[in-house]
Protein backbone atom coordinates (compact mmCIF):
# COMPACT_ATOMS: atom_id res chain seq x y z
CA UNK A 1 -12.76 8.19 17.90
CA UNK A 2 -12.09 11.20 20.06
CA UNK A 3 -12.54 14.79 19.32
CA UNK A 4 -9.79 16.83 19.62
CA UNK A 5 -9.90 18.88 23.22
CA UNK A 6 -6.63 20.81 23.33
CA UNK A 7 -6.40 21.74 19.43
CA UNK A 8 -3.47 24.38 20.57
CA UNK A 9 -1.46 20.98 21.24
CA UNK A 10 1.21 20.16 18.68
CA UNK A 11 0.62 17.57 16.40
CA UNK A 12 2.63 16.31 14.04
CA UNK A 13 1.43 12.87 12.36
CA UNK A 14 2.28 11.04 9.49
CA UNK A 15 -0.45 8.07 8.86
CA UNK A 16 -0.05 5.64 6.08
CA UNK A 17 -3.31 3.72 4.35
CA UNK A 18 -3.75 0.86 2.45
CA UNK A 19 -4.45 1.98 -1.31
CA UNK A 20 -8.38 1.44 -0.88
CA UNK A 21 -8.81 3.32 2.27
CA UNK A 22 -6.65 6.41 0.63
CA UNK A 23 -8.54 6.47 -2.05
CA UNK A 24 -12.13 6.48 -0.23
CA UNK A 25 -10.57 9.39 1.74
CA UNK A 26 -9.52 11.49 -0.96
CA UNK A 27 -12.88 10.62 -2.62
CA UNK A 28 -14.57 12.05 0.19
CA UNK A 29 -12.76 14.93 0.22
CA UNK A 30 -13.52 15.73 -3.45
CA UNK A 31 -16.91 15.59 -2.46
CA UNK A 32 -17.51 17.76 0.39
CA UNK A 33 -15.12 20.10 -1.61
CA UNK A 34 -17.17 20.17 -4.59
CA UNK A 35 -20.26 20.39 -2.39
CA UNK A 36 -18.87 23.34 -0.63
CA UNK A 37 -19.42 21.17 2.14
CA UNK A 38 -17.35 20.61 5.85
CA UNK A 39 -15.17 17.59 6.05
CA UNK A 40 -14.82 15.37 8.86
CA UNK A 41 -11.84 12.84 8.69
CA UNK A 42 -9.99 11.10 11.77
CA UNK A 43 -6.45 10.88 12.00
CA UNK A 44 -4.54 8.82 13.94
CA UNK A 45 -7.52 8.70 17.05
CA UNK A 46 -8.28 12.40 16.59
CA UNK A 47 -11.44 13.70 14.70
CA UNK A 48 -11.06 16.11 12.37
CA UNK A 49 -13.18 18.87 11.10
CA UNK A 50 -12.37 20.95 8.13
CA UNK A 51 -14.43 23.69 7.46
CA UNK A 52 -15.85 24.14 3.65
CA UNK A 53 -13.87 28.13 3.41
CA UNK A 54 -10.54 26.03 4.39
CA UNK A 55 -7.25 27.16 2.27
CA UNK A 56 -5.59 24.88 0.10
CA UNK A 57 -2.24 24.31 -1.67
CA UNK A 58 -0.24 21.46 -2.79
CA UNK A 59 3.64 21.28 -1.75
CA UNK A 60 6.40 19.43 -3.69
CA UNK A 61 9.65 18.37 -2.46
CA UNK A 62 12.90 16.56 -3.42
CA UNK A 63 15.58 15.65 -1.16
CA UNK A 64 17.84 12.53 -0.81
CA UNK A 65 16.52 10.93 -3.68
CA UNK A 66 13.28 11.11 -2.54
CA UNK A 67 10.25 12.81 -4.16
CA UNK A 68 7.27 14.21 -1.81
CA UNK A 69 3.83 15.46 -2.77
CA UNK A 70 1.73 16.98 0.00
CA UNK A 71 -2.04 18.05 -0.52
CA UNK A 72 -2.59 20.46 2.33
CA UNK A 73 -5.60 22.06 3.90
CA UNK A 74 -5.40 24.40 6.68
CA UNK A 75 -7.77 26.50 8.74
CA UNK A 76 -8.10 27.71 12.07
CA UNK A 77 -9.96 26.28 14.57
CA UNK A 78 -13.37 27.70 15.35
CA UNK A 79 -13.28 30.27 18.18
CA UNK A 80 -9.41 30.26 18.08
CA UNK A 81 -8.01 34.13 16.34
CA UNK A 82 -4.79 34.74 14.82
CA UNK A 83 -2.93 36.01 18.28
CA UNK A 84 -3.91 32.41 19.76
CA UNK A 85 -2.66 30.48 16.99
């Protein structure tokens, strides 16, 4: 897996996973959150490190006969300020 070299480059990826892989990722995330530790995950070839102090929210959308639920984690890459984002 490659490490992010340009965290300021825009990216919007949706990656589908088989149910067992998705469950395993959720379980690893829950374990990291519970332990207060950072979480590392690779998505579409890019390795991401989510710090333990990331912000969390749950988003629900309804449109065109579809429902969507997103568990979101938001953080600033290390070394970046609000003005650089």
